Amino acid sequence: MENVNKRAKAFNEREIEVMTDFLKLNIHKLRMNHGSGGPGMVARVREIWDELLAGVNACGNVPRTLQQIKEKWRNMVNIE
C-alpha cells in the first residue's frame, strides 16, 4: 500500500532566493491593514501572493501550492 501522506520536496536555494527577493520588495503591501488599503485590498494581496507563487513555480523544482509558500515564509520569518 502506498503512503498517501508523502512529504513535499524541500525548497531549494533558488526557490528561497526568489521568495526572499520578491517579499523584500512587496512585504509592505502584504502587511498593510486591509481596512486602510482601500477597496480591493484583499484582491491585491491575493495577486501579490499569486505572483510569488508563479515565480517560485518557474524555478522548476516541483509545483508548489500557495499554502506551501505561505508556510515556508512564516517558517523563514520565525527563524530569523
N, C-alpha and C. Protein backbone atom coordinates (compact mmCIF):
# COMPACT_ATOMS: atom_id res chain seq x y z
N MET A 1 0.85 -1.19 0.00
CA MET A 1 0.00 0.00 0.00
C MET A 1 0.89 1.24 0.00
N GLU A 2 0.53 2.19 -0.83
CA GLU A 2 1.31 3.43 -0.93
C GLU A 2 1.06 4.33 0.26
N ASN A 3 2.09 5.10 0.61
CA ASN A 3 1.96 6.10 1.67
C ASN A 3 1.32 7.34 1.05
N VAL A 4 0.09 7.63 1.42
CA VAL A 4 -0.66 8.74 0.84
C VAL A 4 -0.13 10.08 1.35
N ASN A 5 0.39 10.13 2.55
CA ASN A 5 0.86 11.37 3.16
C ASN A 5 2.35 11.60 2.88
N LYS A 6 2.71 11.72 1.63
CA LYS A 6 4.11 11.97 1.27
C LYS A 6 4.46 13.42 1.58
N ARG A 7 5.68 13.61 2.06
CA ARG A 7 6.16 14.96 2.33
C ARG A 7 6.52 15.64 1.01
N ALA A 8 6.34 16.93 0.97
CA ALA A 8 6.74 17.69 -0.21
C ALA A 8 8.26 17.77 -0.25
N LYS A 9 8.79 17.88 -1.44
CA LYS A 9 10.22 18.03 -1.60
C LYS A 9 10.66 19.35 -0.96
N ALA A 10 11.82 19.34 -0.34
CA ALA A 10 12.33 20.53 0.34
C ALA A 10 12.54 21.66 -0.66
N PHE A 11 12.36 22.89 -0.20
CA PHE A 11 12.61 24.06 -1.03
C PHE A 11 14.10 24.12 -1.31
N ASN A 12 14.45 24.41 -2.56
CA ASN A 12 15.87 24.54 -2.89
C ASN A 12 16.32 26.00 -2.71
N GLU A 13 17.62 26.21 -2.84
CA GLU A 13 18.17 27.56 -2.63
C GLU A 13 17.56 28.59 -3.56
N ARG A 14 17.35 28.23 -4.80
CA ARG A 14 16.80 29.18 -5.78
C ARG A 14 15.38 29.60 -5.40
N GLU A 15 14.55 28.64 -4.98
CA GLU A 15 13.19 28.96 -4.58
C GLU A 15 13.19 29.92 -3.39
N ILE A 16 14.05 29.66 -2.43
CA ILE A 16 14.14 30.52 -1.25
C ILE A 16 14.63 31.91 -1.64
N GLU A 17 15.58 31.97 -2.56
CA GLU A 17 16.09 33.26 -3.04
C GLU A 17 14.98 34.05 -3.74
N VAL A 18 14.20 33.38 -4.58
CA VAL A 18 13.09 34.04 -5.28
C VAL A 18 12.09 34.59 -4.26
N MET A 19 11.76 33.78 -3.26
CA MET A 19 10.81 34.22 -2.23
C MET A 19 11.35 35.43 -1.47
N THR A 20 12.59 35.35 -1.05
CA THR A 20 13.19 36.42 -0.26
C THR A 20 13.26 37.72 -1.04
N ASP A 21 13.75 37.66 -2.26
CA ASP A 21 13.87 38.86 -3.09
C ASP A 21 12.49 39.48 -3.36
N PHE A 22 11.54 38.64 -3.72
CA PHE A 22 10.19 39.13 -4.03
C PHE A 22 9.55 39.78 -2.81
N LEU A 23 9.65 39.11 -1.66
CA LEU A 23 8.97 39.63 -0.48
C LEU A 23 9.66 40.86 0.09
N LYS A 24 10.95 41.01 -0.14
CA LYS A 24 11.63 42.25 0.27
C LYS A 24 11.02 43.45 -0.45
N LEU A 25 10.64 43.24 -1.69
CA LEU A 25 10.06 44.32 -2.48
C LEU A 25 8.57 44.54 -2.18
N ASN A 26 7.89 43.52 -1.68
CA ASN A 26 6.43 43.60 -1.55
C ASN A 26 5.90 43.44 -0.13
N ILE A 27 6.76 43.27 0.85
CA ILE A 27 6.29 42.99 2.20
C ILE A 27 5.42 44.12 2.74
N HIS A 28 5.74 45.36 2.41
CA HIS A 28 4.93 46.47 2.91
C HIS A 28 3.49 46.39 2.40
N LYS A 29 3.31 45.90 1.19
CA LYS A 29 1.95 45.75 0.64
C LYS A 29 1.20 44.63 1.35
N LEU A 30 1.91 43.56 1.69
CA LEU A 30 1.27 42.43 2.35
C LEU A 30 0.91 42.74 3.80
N ARG A 31 1.66 43.61 4.42
CA ARG A 31 1.43 43.93 5.83
C ARG A 31 0.47 45.08 6.05
N MET A 32 0.02 45.71 4.98
CA MET A 32 -0.93 46.81 5.11
C MET A 32 -2.21 46.30 5.76
N ASN A 33 -2.79 47.12 6.56
CA ASN A 33 -4.08 46.81 7.15
C ASN A 33 -5.09 46.78 6.02
N HIS A 34 -5.86 45.72 5.94
CA HIS A 34 -6.82 45.59 4.84
C HIS A 34 -7.83 46.74 4.83
N GLY A 35 -8.16 47.25 5.98
CA GLY A 35 -9.10 48.37 6.06
C GLY A 35 -8.50 49.66 5.54
N SER A 36 -7.21 49.89 5.78
CA SER A 36 -6.58 51.13 5.34
C SER A 36 -6.12 51.06 3.89
N GLY A 37 -6.16 49.88 3.30
CA GLY A 37 -5.72 49.71 1.93
C GLY A 37 -6.74 50.14 0.90
N GLY A 38 -7.94 50.40 1.33
CA GLY A 38 -8.98 50.82 0.41
C GLY A 38 -9.68 49.65 -0.24
N PRO A 39 -10.62 49.98 -1.10
CA PRO A 39 -11.39 48.93 -1.78
C PRO A 39 -10.47 48.04 -2.63
N GLY A 40 -10.72 46.77 -2.60
CA GLY A 40 -9.94 45.85 -3.41
C GLY A 40 -8.63 45.42 -2.81
N MET A 41 -8.37 45.77 -1.56
CA MET A 41 -7.08 45.44 -0.95
C MET A 41 -6.88 43.93 -0.84
N VAL A 42 -7.92 43.21 -0.47
CA VAL A 42 -7.81 41.75 -0.33
C VAL A 42 -7.43 41.14 -1.68
N ALA A 43 -8.04 41.62 -2.74
CA ALA A 43 -7.73 41.09 -4.08
C ALA A 43 -6.29 41.42 -4.47
N ARG A 44 -5.82 42.62 -4.11
CA ARG A 44 -4.43 42.99 -4.44
C ARG A 44 -3.44 42.12 -3.67
N VAL A 45 -3.73 41.84 -2.42
CA VAL A 45 -2.85 40.98 -1.62
C VAL A 45 -2.82 39.58 -2.23
N ARG A 46 -3.96 39.08 -2.64
CA ARG A 46 -4.02 37.76 -3.28
C ARG A 46 -3.20 37.75 -4.57
N GLU A 47 -3.27 38.82 -5.35
CA GLU A 47 -2.49 38.92 -6.58
C GLU A 47 -0.99 38.88 -6.29
N ILE A 48 -0.58 39.52 -5.21
CA ILE A 48 0.84 39.52 -4.84
C ILE A 48 1.29 38.10 -4.52
N TRP A 49 0.50 37.39 -3.71
CA TRP A 49 0.85 36.01 -3.38
C TRP A 49 0.85 35.13 -4.63
N ASP A 50 -0.11 35.34 -5.52
CA ASP A 50 -0.16 34.55 -6.76
C ASP A 50 1.06 34.82 -7.64
N GLU A 51 1.50 36.07 -7.67
CA GLU A 51 2.70 36.42 -8.44
C GLU A 51 3.93 35.72 -7.85
N LEU A 52 4.03 35.70 -6.54
CA LEU A 52 5.13 34.98 -5.89
C LEU A 52 5.06 33.49 -6.19
N LEU A 53 3.87 32.92 -6.11
CA LEU A 53 3.69 31.51 -6.40
C LEU A 53 4.16 31.17 -7.82
N ALA A 54 3.80 32.01 -8.78
CA ALA A 54 4.23 31.79 -10.17
C ALA A 54 5.75 31.87 -10.28
N GLY A 55 6.37 32.82 -9.57
CA GLY A 55 7.82 32.96 -9.61
C GLY A 55 8.54 31.75 -9.03
N VAL A 56 8.04 31.24 -7.92
CA VAL A 56 8.65 30.06 -7.30
C VAL A 56 8.45 28.84 -8.19
N ASN A 57 7.26 28.69 -8.74
CA ASN A 57 7.00 27.53 -9.60
C ASN A 57 7.79 27.60 -10.91
N ALA A 58 8.20 28.80 -11.31
CA ALA A 58 9.02 28.93 -12.52
C ALA A 58 10.44 28.39 -12.31
N CYS A 59 10.83 28.21 -11.07
CA CYS A 59 12.16 27.65 -10.78
C CYS A 59 12.26 26.20 -11.24
N GLY A 60 11.12 25.53 -11.34
CA GLY A 60 11.10 24.19 -11.91
C GLY A 60 11.44 23.06 -10.98
N ASN A 61 11.56 23.29 -9.68
CA ASN A 61 11.87 22.19 -8.76
C ASN A 61 10.68 21.25 -8.70
N VAL A 62 9.62 21.64 -8.04
CA VAL A 62 8.35 20.92 -8.03
C VAL A 62 7.24 21.97 -7.92
N PRO A 63 6.06 21.69 -8.43
CA PRO A 63 4.97 22.66 -8.28
C PRO A 63 4.63 22.87 -6.80
N ARG A 64 4.51 24.12 -6.41
CA ARG A 64 4.19 24.46 -5.03
C ARG A 64 2.77 25.01 -4.97
N THR A 65 2.13 24.84 -3.82
CA THR A 65 0.82 25.43 -3.60
C THR A 65 1.02 26.74 -2.85
N LEU A 66 -0.01 27.57 -2.87
CA LEU A 66 0.05 28.83 -2.14
C LEU A 66 0.22 28.56 -0.65
N GLN A 67 -0.42 27.53 -0.15
CA GLN A 67 -0.29 27.17 1.26
C GLN A 67 1.16 26.83 1.60
N GLN A 68 1.85 26.09 0.74
CA GLN A 68 3.25 25.75 0.98
C GLN A 68 4.13 27.00 1.00
N ILE A 69 3.86 27.92 0.09
CA ILE A 69 4.65 29.16 0.01
C ILE A 69 4.46 29.97 1.28
N LYS A 70 3.22 30.14 1.72
CA LYS A 70 2.95 30.92 2.92
C LYS A 70 3.55 30.27 4.16
N GLU A 71 3.46 28.95 4.24
CA GLU A 71 4.03 28.24 5.39
C GLU A 71 5.55 28.38 5.42
N LYS A 72 6.17 28.25 4.27
CA LYS A 72 7.63 28.40 4.20
C LYS A 72 8.04 29.80 4.61
N TRP A 73 7.32 30.81 4.16
CA TRP A 73 7.63 32.19 4.52
C TRP A 73 7.49 32.40 6.02
N ARG A 74 6.41 31.88 6.61
CA ARG A 74 6.23 32.01 8.07
C ARG A 74 7.38 31.34 8.81
N ASN A 75 7.79 30.18 8.35
CA ASN A 75 8.90 29.48 9.00
C ASN A 75 10.20 30.26 8.85
N MET A 76 10.44 30.83 7.69
CA MET A 76 11.67 31.61 7.48
C MET A 76 11.70 32.85 8.37
N VAL A 77 10.58 33.51 8.51
CA VAL A 77 10.50 34.73 9.32
C VAL A 77 10.69 34.39 10.80
N ASN A 78 10.15 33.28 11.25
CA ASN A 78 10.26 32.89 12.65
C ASN A 78 11.66 32.44 13.04
N ILE A 79 12.45 32.00 12.09
CA ILE A 79 13.82 31.55 12.36
C ILE A 79 14.73 32.74 12.58
N GLU A 80 14.52 33.81 11.82
CA GLU A 80 15.43 34.95 11.86
C GLU A 80 15.34 35.74 13.11
